[in-house]
Amino acid sequence: MPDNHNTQPIFVAGAGGYIGGRLVPRLLDAGYRVRALARSPQKLSKRRWGKHPNLEIVQGDILDYSSLQQGIAGCRAAYYLVHSMNPAVDDFSLTDRAAAMNMTKAATAAKLQQIIYLGGLGEEGSGLSHHLQSRTEVGRLLQLGSVPVTILRAAMIIGSGSASFEILRYLVDRLPVILTPRWVDTPCQPIGVRNVMHYLIGCLECPETLGETFDIGQPEILSYHQLMEIYAEEAGLRKRRIIPLPFLTPRLSSYWIHLLTPIPAALARPLTEGLKNPVVCHDNRISELLPQDLFDCRKAIHLALERTREHFVESSWTDSGPIYPAEWSVRGDPAWAGGKTFTDSRRVVIEATPDDIWPALASIGGEVGWYYANWLWKLRGMMDRAIGGVGLSRGRRDHQEIYPGDALDLWRVVDVKQPERLLLNAEMKLPGKAILFFELRPLADGRTELRQIARFLPRGLLGLCYWYAITPLHNYVFDGMLRGIVKASQARISSGPERFMEEEKTGP
């Protein structure tokens, strides 16, 4: 438990990511004051715990030393949960290096008592993958400063929504015969995400962890082959045939994963390259310093599956990254916003209140679908996936809750305010930029006007051709979507759907 006399906050870098999104609420529940660094503060402020009185969200970027220095000042300790393994970054290790050096410098200037870093297992000198080398280098750079660093080294983290678990889940769910590279028999020592949380928080109040490096994992050493078999059993699937192929390289494997799972090839490749390295624990001291009930792989997989089936995924690999604003998306924006935009604006008047309609609107996408012409949405997702896009396979983290920063099929949630509006930014492959905006406007007589606005900012001639090619489908799809939302709300249409002309500065 935290020292009640110590009012200094705990700094969390990477609070919007998979681990950070679970760690912050647990720190708050344990009584700590938390200061979370976020490039997009609205991602955190709209979470269930985003208004906690002991939470301070500061806007900043780990790569911007000035904002990092201001954010970390006055804190007692810090968690470093940043990893730039971003599909959009050519060499993520360069970004990782710059970020770690900034953190070391800022932590030293702030005179922190401790840095806690979650890194990766793997022994140097054994041909570590680029991904694992970068994880190791970050730890070394953090140790260059005067602040004691506690390093926790983990292999695969099993939990609902983790990238590694999603790859495992989709491959075994979808393939009765699984073709794998030779690394399928590589030994590994995974750990459940709940056990990771226990170690991360425990290090704050355990002086023996200062300046130490620990391996964390469940006691059993398994192969990825065995993990797949255990998953199939826990998921109630028939026994899978797993066939190693010597010519299946990490690059080919990443394309295979891209087609069959939500994980993009650019992210899957460094993950698959790391699977060739044995990742087992050699230093188990932390299990004595911070004892807990360590889940074996079967229980960890069971719990992750349980959360996934209940649609209660607390955080997901898709959470990482900033929310990019769509400044160009407002009607009437000046020319500097990017040029001419095309707009399709439709509305329907409903005999219901915004509160009655919101649950259906907020549930859009994922397993619920898009309320009309789902086969067209699936076709668009397949086309996008085939050319390297995100497709529909990401689904959504939760089938009811929706927060800024959430992935939603082909889209990313930019803004949400219940029961008023929902703004989505397109993340599919496009010759331009697109947004989809929904707005619920209460009328004086108890009815509600539901507005649906699609905007597109084309890029070059191809962008213009794309817009004119899909425009005929809008009458079919968008009107049907509005009717579908009304039907799902168990309400009646008073008028519409119909097109309308927007007033200036309406919409997102």
Protein backbone atom coordinates (compact mmCIF):
# COMPACT_ATOMS: atom_id res chain seq x y z
CA MET A 1 0.00 0.00 0.00
CA PRO A 2 1.21 3.55 -0.69
CA ASP A 3 2.59 5.73 2.08
CA ASN A 4 -0.22 8.05 3.13
CA HIS A 5 2.34 10.75 3.95
CA ASN A 6 3.77 10.66 0.45
CA THR A 7 1.62 12.87 -1.77
CA GLN A 8 3.94 12.82 -4.78
CA PRO A 9 2.27 11.31 -7.85
CA ILE A 10 3.42 8.29 -9.83
CA PHE A 11 4.26 9.17 -13.43
CA VAL A 12 3.08 6.80 -16.18
CA ALA A 13 4.55 7.07 -19.67
CA GLY A 14 2.48 4.93 -22.02
CA ALA A 15 -0.78 5.21 -20.07
CA GLY A 16 -2.84 4.90 -23.24
CA GLY A 17 -1.33 1.58 -24.32
CA TYR A 18 -2.26 -2.02 -23.57
CA ILE A 19 -0.40 -2.35 -20.26
CA GLY A 20 -0.76 1.29 -19.22
CA GLY A 21 -4.53 1.18 -19.76
CA ARG A 22 -4.75 -1.56 -17.13
CA LEU A 23 -2.07 -0.29 -14.77
CA VAL A 24 -3.43 3.24 -14.22
CA PRO A 25 -6.84 2.22 -12.78
CA ARG A 26 -5.17 -0.35 -10.52
CA LEU A 27 -2.77 2.25 -9.17
CA LEU A 28 -5.72 4.54 -8.49
CA ASP A 29 -7.62 1.74 -6.76
CA ALA A 30 -4.55 1.11 -4.59
CA GLY A 31 -4.61 4.72 -3.40
CA TYR A 32 -1.81 6.24 -5.46
CA ARG A 33 -1.89 9.61 -7.12
CA VAL A 34 -1.18 9.15 -10.81
CA ARG A 35 0.07 11.57 -13.44
CA ALA A 36 -0.42 10.14 -16.93
CA LEU A 37 1.37 11.48 -19.98
CA ALA A 38 -0.77 11.40 -23.14
CA ARG A 39 -0.44 12.79 -26.64
CA SER A 40 -4.23 12.74 -26.82
CA PRO A 41 -5.57 13.46 -23.31
CA GLN A 42 -9.18 12.83 -24.38
CA LYS A 43 -8.30 9.16 -24.84
CA LEU A 44 -7.77 8.85 -21.10
CA SER A 45 -10.24 11.44 -19.78
CA LYS A 46 -13.20 9.59 -21.34
CA ARG A 47 -12.28 6.23 -19.83
CA ARG A 48 -14.30 4.85 -16.93
CA TRP A 49 -11.53 5.97 -14.58
CA GLY A 50 -10.67 9.17 -16.46
CA LYS A 51 -12.30 11.52 -13.92
CA HIS A 52 -10.77 9.93 -10.83
CA PRO A 53 -9.82 12.64 -8.31
CA ASN A 54 -6.30 11.20 -7.93
CA LEU A 55 -5.63 11.18 -11.67
CA GLU A 56 -3.88 14.03 -13.46
CA ILE A 57 -3.63 13.80 -17.24
CA VAL A 58 -0.94 15.94 -18.84
CA GLN A 59 -0.56 16.46 -22.56
CA GLY A 60 2.86 15.65 -23.90
CA ASP A 61 5.03 13.38 -25.96
CA ILE A 62 7.91 11.23 -24.77
CA LEU A 63 9.83 12.47 -27.83
CA ASP A 64 9.23 16.11 -26.85
CA TYR A 65 11.66 16.66 -24.00
CA SER A 66 10.12 19.94 -22.89
CA SER A 67 6.64 18.46 -22.38
CA LEU A 68 8.13 15.35 -20.75
CA GLN A 69 10.21 17.42 -18.33
CA GLN A 70 7.18 19.48 -17.30
CA GLY A 71 5.01 16.40 -16.90
CA ILE A 72 7.42 14.43 -14.76
CA ALA A 73 8.42 17.27 -12.43
CA GLY A 74 7.40 16.66 -8.82
CA CYS A 75 6.72 12.93 -9.25
CA ARG A 76 8.13 10.24 -6.96
CA ALA A 77 8.53 7.36 -9.39
CA ALA A 78 7.78 6.56 -13.01
CA TYR A 79 6.62 3.67 -15.14
CA TYR A 80 8.14 3.46 -18.59
CA LEU A 81 5.71 1.51 -20.78
CA VAL A 82 6.57 3.07 -24.12
CA HIS A 83 7.34 1.04 -27.20
CA SER A 84 7.33 2.51 -30.69
CA MET A 85 6.82 -0.74 -32.62
CA ASN A 86 4.56 1.20 -34.93
CA PRO A 87 3.67 -0.06 -38.44
CA ALA A 88 4.15 3.51 -39.69
CA VAL A 89 7.74 3.73 -38.40
CA ASP A 90 10.46 2.26 -40.61
CA ASP A 91 13.00 1.69 -37.84
CA PHE A 92 11.25 1.72 -34.48
CA SER A 93 14.54 1.20 -32.62
CA LEU A 94 15.65 4.75 -33.50
CA THR A 95 12.47 6.17 -32.00
CA ASP A 96 12.80 3.89 -28.97
CA ARG A 97 16.35 5.10 -28.45
CA ALA A 98 15.42 8.78 -28.59
CA ALA A 99 12.47 8.27 -26.24
CA ALA A 100 14.55 6.35 -23.68
CA MET A 101 17.28 9.01 -23.68
CA ASN A 102 14.66 11.72 -23.07
CA MET A 103 13.22 9.71 -20.18
CA THR A 104 16.64 9.17 -18.61
CA LYS A 105 17.45 12.86 -18.78
CA ALA A 106 14.04 14.00 -17.49
CA ALA A 107 13.99 11.46 -14.64
CA THR A 108 17.44 12.56 -13.51
CA ALA A 109 16.44 16.23 -13.58
CA ALA A 110 13.26 15.46 -11.61
CA LYS A 111 15.27 13.43 -9.05
CA LEU A 112 12.89 10.48 -9.18
CA GLN A 113 13.32 7.69 -6.66
CA GLN A 114 12.66 4.89 -9.16
CA ILE A 115 11.89 4.00 -12.78
CA ILE A 116 10.01 0.76 -13.46
CA TYR A 117 10.44 -0.56 -16.99
CA LEU A 118 8.66 -3.51 -18.61
CA GLY A 119 11.02 -5.02 -21.17
CA GLY A 120 11.41 -8.29 -23.04
CA LEU A 121 13.08 -11.60 -22.27
CA GLY A 122 15.94 -12.86 -24.38
CA GLU A 123 19.65 -13.37 -23.88
CA GLU A 124 22.12 -11.08 -25.62
CA GLY A 125 24.62 -12.83 -27.82
CA SER A 126 22.04 -15.41 -28.94
CA GLY A 127 21.02 -13.68 -32.15
CA LEU A 128 18.21 -11.61 -30.66
CA SER A 129 15.61 -10.24 -33.06
CA HIS A 130 15.61 -6.52 -33.84
CA HIS A 131 12.54 -6.13 -31.62
CA LEU A 132 14.13 -7.80 -28.58
CA GLN A 133 17.44 -6.00 -29.13
CA SER A 134 15.56 -2.71 -28.98
CA ARG A 135 13.82 -3.72 -25.76
CA THR A 136 17.19 -4.58 -24.20
CA GLU A 137 18.80 -1.35 -25.40
CA VAL A 138 16.03 0.75 -23.86
CA GLY A 139 16.72 -0.83 -20.48
CA ARG A 140 20.44 -0.03 -20.76
CA LEU A 141 19.75 3.58 -21.72
CA LEU A 142 17.41 4.07 -18.79
CA GLN A 143 20.14 2.79 -16.47
CA LEU A 144 22.59 5.47 -17.65
CA GLY A 145 20.96 8.07 -15.43
CA SER A 146 21.19 8.53 -11.68
CA VAL A 147 17.71 7.14 -10.98
CA PRO A 148 17.55 3.45 -9.92
CA VAL A 149 15.79 1.41 -12.61
CA THR A 150 13.76 -1.74 -11.95
CA ILE A 151 13.55 -3.83 -15.12
CA LEU A 152 10.94 -6.55 -15.48
CA ARG A 153 11.64 -8.82 -18.45
CA ALA A 154 8.64 -10.70 -19.84
CA ALA A 155 8.03 -13.04 -22.75
CA MET A 156 4.56 -13.38 -24.25
CA ILE A 157 1.89 -11.67 -22.14
CA ILE A 158 -1.39 -13.58 -22.20
CA GLY A 159 -4.43 -11.41 -21.78
CA SER A 160 -7.54 -10.41 -23.66
CA GLY A 161 -6.63 -7.81 -26.27
CA SER A 162 -2.85 -8.33 -26.28
CA ALA A 163 -1.29 -8.54 -29.74
CA SER A 164 0.38 -11.88 -29.03
CA PHE A 165 -2.80 -13.42 -27.67
CA GLU A 166 -4.84 -12.12 -30.63
CA ILE A 167 -2.44 -13.76 -33.08
CA LEU A 168 -2.73 -17.04 -31.18
CA ARG A 169 -6.52 -16.79 -30.92
CA TYR A 170 -7.25 -16.02 -34.55
CA LEU A 171 -4.81 -18.55 -36.00
CA VAL A 172 -6.10 -21.44 -33.90
CA ASP A 173 -9.76 -20.43 -34.19
CA ARG A 174 -9.68 -20.17 -37.97
CA LEU A 175 -7.27 -22.88 -39.09
CA PRO A 176 -7.80 -26.62 -38.53
CA VAL A 177 -4.37 -27.06 -40.13
CA ILE A 178 -1.78 -24.50 -39.07
CA LEU A 179 1.35 -24.00 -41.15
CA THR A 180 4.11 -22.46 -39.04
CA PRO A 181 7.81 -21.58 -39.28
CA ARG A 182 10.35 -23.75 -37.49
CA TRP A 183 10.14 -21.59 -34.37
CA VAL A 184 6.94 -23.35 -33.35
CA ASP A 185 9.01 -25.55 -31.03
CA THR A 186 11.00 -22.68 -29.48
CA PRO A 187 10.75 -22.71 -25.67
CA CYS A 188 8.93 -19.80 -24.04
CA GLN A 189 7.69 -18.86 -20.58
CA PRO A 190 4.57 -16.68 -20.93
CA ILE A 191 2.86 -14.79 -18.14
CA GLY A 192 -0.74 -13.73 -17.53
CA VAL A 193 -1.44 -10.00 -17.68
CA ARG A 194 -2.92 -10.04 -14.15
CA ASN A 195 0.37 -11.40 -12.81
CA VAL A 196 2.23 -8.67 -14.67
CA MET A 197 0.06 -6.04 -12.93
CA HIS A 198 0.92 -7.50 -9.52
CA TYR A 199 4.65 -7.27 -10.19
CA LEU A 200 4.48 -3.77 -11.66
CA ILE A 201 2.60 -2.32 -8.70
CA GLY A 202 4.51 -4.34 -6.09
CA CYS A 203 7.85 -2.90 -7.22
CA LEU A 204 6.76 0.55 -6.03
CA GLU A 205 6.85 -0.44 -2.37
CA CYS A 206 9.62 -3.05 -2.40
CA PRO A 207 13.04 -1.43 -1.83
CA GLU A 208 14.79 -4.69 -2.75
CA THR A 209 13.72 -4.17 -6.39
CA LEU A 210 15.55 -0.85 -6.79
CA GLY A 211 18.19 -1.03 -9.49
CA GLU A 212 17.52 -4.72 -10.16
CA THR A 213 16.55 -6.71 -13.26
CA PHE A 214 14.05 -9.56 -12.88
CA ASP A 215 12.62 -12.18 -15.22
CA ILE A 216 8.87 -12.65 -14.86
CA GLY A 217 6.91 -15.64 -16.12
CA GLN A 218 4.75 -18.55 -15.06
CA PRO A 219 6.69 -21.58 -13.80
CA GLU A 220 6.06 -23.85 -16.79
CA ILE A 221 8.24 -23.73 -19.91
CA LEU A 222 6.29 -24.50 -23.08
CA SER A 223 6.67 -24.35 -26.84
CA TYR A 224 4.40 -22.30 -29.11
CA HIS A 225 3.18 -25.64 -30.46
CA GLN A 226 1.97 -26.56 -26.98
CA LEU A 227 0.40 -23.12 -26.51
CA MET A 228 -1.68 -23.63 -29.63
CA GLU A 229 -2.82 -27.04 -28.42
CA ILE A 230 -3.79 -25.65 -24.99
CA TYR A 231 -5.69 -22.80 -26.61
CA ALA A 232 -7.64 -25.20 -28.83
CA GLU A 233 -8.62 -27.26 -25.79
CA GLU A 234 -9.70 -24.22 -23.75
CA ALA A 235 -11.66 -22.82 -26.72
CA GLY A 236 -13.47 -26.15 -27.20
CA LEU A 237 -12.00 -26.70 -30.67
CA ARG A 238 -10.98 -29.89 -32.37
CA LYS A 239 -7.32 -30.84 -32.15
CA ARG A 240 -5.35 -28.73 -34.63
CA ARG A 241 -2.72 -30.13 -36.98
CA ILE A 242 0.39 -27.99 -36.63
CA ILE A 243 2.91 -28.39 -39.45
CA PRO A 244 6.31 -26.59 -39.29
CA LEU A 245 7.65 -25.47 -42.67
CA PRO A 246 11.37 -24.64 -42.87
CA PHE A 247 10.91 -22.17 -45.77
CA LEU A 248 8.26 -20.09 -43.95
CA THR A 249 10.23 -16.95 -43.05
CA PRO A 250 9.15 -14.22 -40.60
CA ARG A 251 8.26 -12.00 -43.57
CA LEU A 252 6.01 -14.66 -45.11
CA SER A 253 4.58 -15.46 -41.69
CA SER A 254 3.73 -11.79 -41.11
CA TYR A 255 1.73 -11.69 -44.36
CA TRP A 256 -0.07 -14.88 -43.34
CA ILE A 257 -0.87 -13.35 -39.95
CA HIS A 258 -2.00 -10.13 -41.65
CA LEU A 259 -4.58 -12.01 -43.71
CA LEU A 260 -5.92 -14.18 -40.88
CA THR A 261 -5.75 -11.92 -37.82
CA PRO A 262 -6.34 -8.25 -36.99
CA ILE A 263 -2.58 -7.70 -36.55
CA PRO A 264 -1.06 -5.81 -39.53
CA ALA A 265 1.95 -7.33 -41.28
CA ALA A 266 4.23 -4.46 -40.23
CA LEU A 267 3.51 -5.19 -36.58
CA ALA A 268 3.38 -8.98 -36.97
CA ARG A 269 6.83 -9.19 -38.54
CA PRO A 270 8.92 -8.00 -35.55
CA LEU A 271 6.76 -10.14 -33.27
CA THR A 272 7.30 -13.27 -35.38
CA GLU A 273 11.03 -12.56 -35.71
CA GLY A 274 11.23 -12.57 -31.91
CA LEU A 275 9.62 -15.99 -31.69
CA LYS A 276 12.81 -17.64 -32.95
CA ASN A 277 14.57 -16.69 -29.70
CA PRO A 278 14.17 -18.86 -26.58
CA VAL A 279 12.52 -16.64 -23.96
CA VAL A 280 12.71 -18.33 -20.58
CA CYS A 281 13.28 -17.02 -17.05
CA HIS A 282 16.73 -17.45 -15.47
CA ASP A 283 16.26 -15.15 -12.48
CA ASN A 284 13.21 -15.98 -10.36
CA ARG A 285 14.03 -13.84 -7.31
CA ILE A 286 11.01 -11.61 -7.78
CA SER A 287 8.63 -14.50 -7.03
CA GLU A 288 10.05 -14.47 -3.51
CA LEU A 289 10.09 -10.69 -3.10
CA LEU A 290 6.53 -10.26 -4.43
CA PRO A 291 4.77 -13.62 -4.00
CA GLN A 292 1.49 -14.26 -5.81
CA ASP A 293 -0.53 -17.06 -7.36
CA LEU A 294 1.12 -17.37 -10.77
CA PHE A 295 -1.35 -18.60 -13.38
CA ASP A 296 -0.23 -21.39 -15.63
CA CYS A 297 -0.82 -20.90 -19.38
CA ARG A 298 -4.06 -22.84 -19.34
CA LYS A 299 -5.61 -20.62 -16.69
CA ALA A 300 -4.27 -17.43 -18.29
CA ILE A 301 -5.75 -18.45 -21.66
CA HIS A 302 -9.02 -19.43 -20.00
CA LEU A 303 -9.34 -16.03 -18.32
CA ALA A 304 -8.43 -14.16 -21.52
CA LEU A 305 -11.02 -16.15 -23.48
CA GLU A 306 -13.61 -15.52 -20.80
CA ARG A 307 -13.10 -11.76 -21.01
CA THR A 308 -13.18 -11.84 -24.81
CA ARG A 309 -16.44 -13.80 -24.91
CA GLU A 310 -17.99 -11.47 -22.35
CA HIS A 311 -16.96 -8.49 -24.52
CA PHE A 312 -15.13 -7.10 -21.51
CA VAL A 313 -11.70 -6.34 -22.95
CA GLU A 314 -10.23 -3.78 -20.59
CA SER A 315 -7.50 -2.65 -22.98
CA SER A 316 -6.31 -3.71 -26.41
CA TRP A 317 -3.21 -3.57 -28.60
CA THR A 318 -5.22 -1.22 -30.83
CA ASP A 319 -5.32 1.42 -28.06
CA SER A 320 -1.78 2.67 -28.66
CA GLY A 321 -1.08 5.85 -30.57
CA PRO A 322 -2.51 9.36 -30.66
CA ILE A 323 -5.88 10.48 -31.96
CA TYR A 324 -5.31 12.49 -35.11
CA PRO A 325 -7.76 15.40 -35.29
CA ALA A 326 -9.69 15.95 -38.49
CA GLU A 327 -9.41 19.74 -38.64
CA TRP A 328 -10.36 19.68 -42.30
CA SER A 329 -13.68 17.98 -41.57
CA VAL A 330 -15.73 21.03 -40.58
CA ARG A 331 -17.78 22.65 -43.30
CA GLY A 332 -16.50 26.11 -44.04
CA ASP A 333 -12.86 25.42 -43.12
CA PRO A 334 -10.42 27.69 -44.95
CA ALA A 335 -8.31 26.49 -47.86
CA TRP A 336 -5.27 25.86 -45.62
CA ALA A 337 -7.16 22.93 -44.08
CA GLY A 338 -6.30 20.85 -47.13
CA GLY A 339 -8.51 21.81 -50.06
CA LYS A 340 -11.99 20.97 -51.26
CA THR A 341 -13.96 18.42 -49.28
CA PHE A 342 -16.95 16.36 -50.44
CA THR A 343 -19.88 15.91 -48.08
CA ASP A 344 -22.85 13.57 -47.86
CA SER A 345 -25.28 14.80 -45.18
CA ARG A 346 -28.43 12.90 -44.24
CA ARG A 347 -30.90 13.04 -41.38
CA VAL A 348 -33.90 11.28 -39.96
CA VAL A 349 -36.39 12.47 -37.33
CA ILE A 350 -37.18 9.83 -34.73
CA GLU A 351 -40.00 9.54 -32.21
CA ALA A 352 -37.63 8.93 -29.30
CA THR A 353 -35.17 10.78 -27.10
CA PRO A 354 -31.38 10.87 -27.63
CA ASP A 355 -30.99 8.62 -24.56
CA ASP A 356 -33.26 6.04 -26.21
CA ILE A 357 -31.27 6.07 -29.46
CA TRP A 358 -27.73 6.31 -28.11
CA PRO A 359 -27.24 2.63 -27.10
CA ALA A 360 -27.83 1.48 -30.68
CA LEU A 361 -25.63 4.19 -32.14
CA ALA A 362 -22.82 3.54 -29.65
CA SER A 363 -22.90 -0.21 -30.43
CA ILE A 364 -22.23 0.22 -34.15
CA GLY A 365 -19.54 -1.94 -35.76
CA GLY A 366 -17.89 -5.08 -34.44
CA GLU A 367 -20.26 -8.02 -34.02
CA VAL A 368 -23.32 -5.74 -34.26
CA GLY A 369 -22.27 -4.56 -37.70
CA TRP A 370 -23.31 -1.39 -39.50
CA TYR A 371 -27.07 -1.99 -39.42
CA TYR A 372 -27.39 -2.24 -43.19
CA ALA A 373 -25.59 -3.81 -46.16
CA ASN A 374 -23.10 -5.56 -43.92
CA TRP A 375 -22.00 -7.63 -46.89
CA LEU A 376 -20.75 -4.42 -48.54
CA TRP A 377 -18.87 -3.43 -45.39
CA LYS A 378 -17.32 -6.90 -45.26
CA LEU A 379 -16.34 -6.65 -48.93
CA ARG A 380 -14.76 -3.25 -48.30
CA GLY A 381 -12.89 -4.70 -45.33
CA MET A 382 -11.60 -7.63 -47.37
CA MET A 383 -10.39 -5.29 -50.12
CA ASP A 384 -8.65 -3.10 -47.58
CA ARG A 385 -7.00 -6.07 -45.87
CA ALA A 386 -5.79 -7.41 -49.22
CA ILE A 387 -3.85 -4.20 -49.91
CA GLY A 388 -2.32 -4.01 -46.43
CA GLY A 389 -5.01 -2.06 -44.58
CA VAL A 390 -6.66 -2.72 -41.23
CA GLY A 391 -9.86 -4.22 -42.63
CA LEU A 392 -12.74 -5.21 -40.36
CA SER A 393 -10.83 -7.77 -38.34
CA ARG A 394 -10.00 -5.41 -35.47
CA GLY A 395 -13.68 -5.22 -34.54
CA ARG A 396 -14.08 -3.21 -31.37
CA ARG A 397 -12.73 -3.56 -27.84
CA ASP A 398 -16.13 -3.58 -26.11
CA HIS A 399 -19.58 -4.11 -27.66
CA GLN A 400 -21.19 -1.30 -25.62
CA GLU A 401 -18.57 1.08 -24.22
CA ILE A 402 -16.89 3.40 -26.68
CA TYR A 403 -14.07 5.84 -25.95
CA PRO A 404 -11.91 8.26 -27.96
CA GLY A 405 -8.97 6.33 -29.37
CA ASP A 406 -10.87 3.05 -29.68
CA ALA A 407 -10.47 1.12 -32.93
CA LEU A 408 -13.83 0.45 -34.56
CA ASP A 409 -13.45 -1.82 -37.59
CA LEU A 410 -12.15 0.39 -40.40
CA TRP A 411 -12.36 3.51 -38.24
CA ARG A 412 -10.84 5.17 -35.16
CA VAL A 413 -13.02 6.99 -32.62
CA VAL A 414 -11.94 10.64 -32.50
CA ASP A 415 -14.67 12.10 -30.32
CA VAL A 416 -17.65 10.76 -28.41
CA LYS A 417 -20.12 12.48 -26.11
CA GLN A 418 -23.09 10.53 -24.81
CA PRO A 419 -25.84 10.97 -25.95
CA GLU A 420 -24.90 13.68 -28.43
CA ARG A 421 -22.25 12.79 -30.98
CA LEU A 422 -19.82 10.23 -32.36
CA LEU A 423 -16.96 11.13 -34.70
CA LEU A 424 -15.02 8.44 -36.57
CA ASN A 425 -11.82 8.89 -38.57
CA ALA A 426 -11.17 6.44 -41.43
CA GLU A 427 -8.10 4.22 -41.12
CA MET A 428 -8.67 2.11 -44.22
CA LYS A 429 -6.43 2.55 -47.27
CA LEU A 430 -7.83 5.57 -49.13
CA PRO A 431 -6.70 8.08 -51.76
CA GLY A 432 -7.53 10.83 -49.27
CA LYS A 433 -8.99 11.28 -45.78
CA ALA A 434 -12.51 10.49 -44.58
CA ILE A 435 -14.66 10.95 -41.48
CA LEU A 436 -18.10 9.69 -40.47
CA PHE A 437 -20.03 11.81 -37.98
CA PHE A 438 -23.27 11.08 -36.11
CA GLU A 439 -25.16 13.69 -34.12
CA LEU A 440 -28.33 13.41 -32.03
CA ARG A 441 -30.24 16.69 -31.78
CA PRO A 442 -33.21 16.82 -29.36
CA LEU A 443 -36.31 18.58 -30.69
CA ALA A 444 -38.79 20.56 -28.64
CA ASP A 445 -41.60 18.02 -29.02
CA GLY A 446 -39.63 15.12 -27.53
CA ARG A 447 -38.45 13.79 -30.88
CA THR A 448 -34.81 13.57 -32.01
CA GLU A 449 -33.04 14.42 -35.24
CA LEU A 450 -30.27 11.95 -36.05
CA ARG A 451 -27.70 13.39 -38.44
CA GLN A 452 -25.19 11.33 -40.35
CA ILE A 453 -22.43 13.22 -42.17
CA ALA A 454 -19.69 11.68 -44.30
CA ARG A 455 -16.82 13.86 -45.47
CA PHE A 456 -13.97 13.08 -47.82
CA LEU A 457 -10.83 15.06 -48.58
CA PRO A 458 -9.49 13.61 -51.84
CA ARG A 459 -5.84 13.29 -52.71
CA GLY A 460 -5.18 13.91 -56.39
CA LEU A 461 -7.10 12.57 -59.35
CA LEU A 462 -7.39 9.10 -57.83
CA GLY A 463 -9.15 10.61 -54.83
CA LEU A 464 -11.69 12.38 -57.04
CA CYS A 465 -12.35 9.17 -58.98
CA TYR A 466 -12.81 7.24 -55.74
CA TRP A 467 -15.43 9.67 -54.40
CA TYR A 468 -17.47 9.71 -57.61
CA ALA A 469 -17.26 5.90 -57.84
CA ILE A 470 -18.69 5.28 -54.36
CA THR A 471 -21.26 8.12 -54.37
CA PRO A 472 -24.00 5.95 -55.99
CA LEU A 473 -23.71 3.52 -53.08
CA HIS A 474 -24.42 6.19 -50.48
CA ASN A 475 -28.16 6.30 -51.18
CA TYR A 476 -28.29 2.56 -50.65
CA VAL A 477 -25.98 2.24 -47.65
CA PHE A 478 -26.36 5.47 -45.66
CA ASP A 479 -30.16 5.67 -45.75
CA GLY A 480 -30.28 2.01 -44.76
CA MET A 481 -27.89 2.64 -41.86
CA LEU A 482 -30.12 5.39 -40.48
CA ARG A 483 -33.19 3.14 -40.70
CA GLY A 484 -31.23 0.32 -39.08
CA ILE A 485 -30.21 2.47 -36.12
CA VAL A 486 -33.83 3.50 -35.61
CA LYS A 487 -34.98 -0.12 -35.80
CA ALA A 488 -32.33 -1.22 -33.30
CA SER A 489 -33.57 1.54 -30.99
CA GLN A 490 -37.10 0.08 -31.21
CA ALA A 491 -38.34 3.52 -32.21
CA ARG A 492 -40.38 4.93 -35.12
CA ILE A 493 -39.35 7.25 -37.91
CA SER A 494 -41.26 10.53 -38.03
CA SER A 495 -39.66 11.77 -41.26
CA GLY A 496 -36.71 10.91 -43.50
CA PRO A 497 -34.14 9.69 -44.18
CA GLU A 498 -33.40 12.68 -46.40
CA ARG A 499 -30.48 14.76 -47.56
CA PHE A 500 -29.99 18.21 -46.09
CA MET A 501 -27.73 21.20 -46.53
CA GLU A 502 -25.59 21.96 -43.52
CA GLU A 503 -25.36 25.36 -41.93
CA GLU A 504 -21.83 26.72 -41.55
CA LYS A 505 -19.67 25.14 -38.83
CA THR A 506 -22.10 22.33 -38.11
CA GLY A 507 -20.96 18.78 -37.60
CA PRO A 508 -17.60 17.66 -36.22
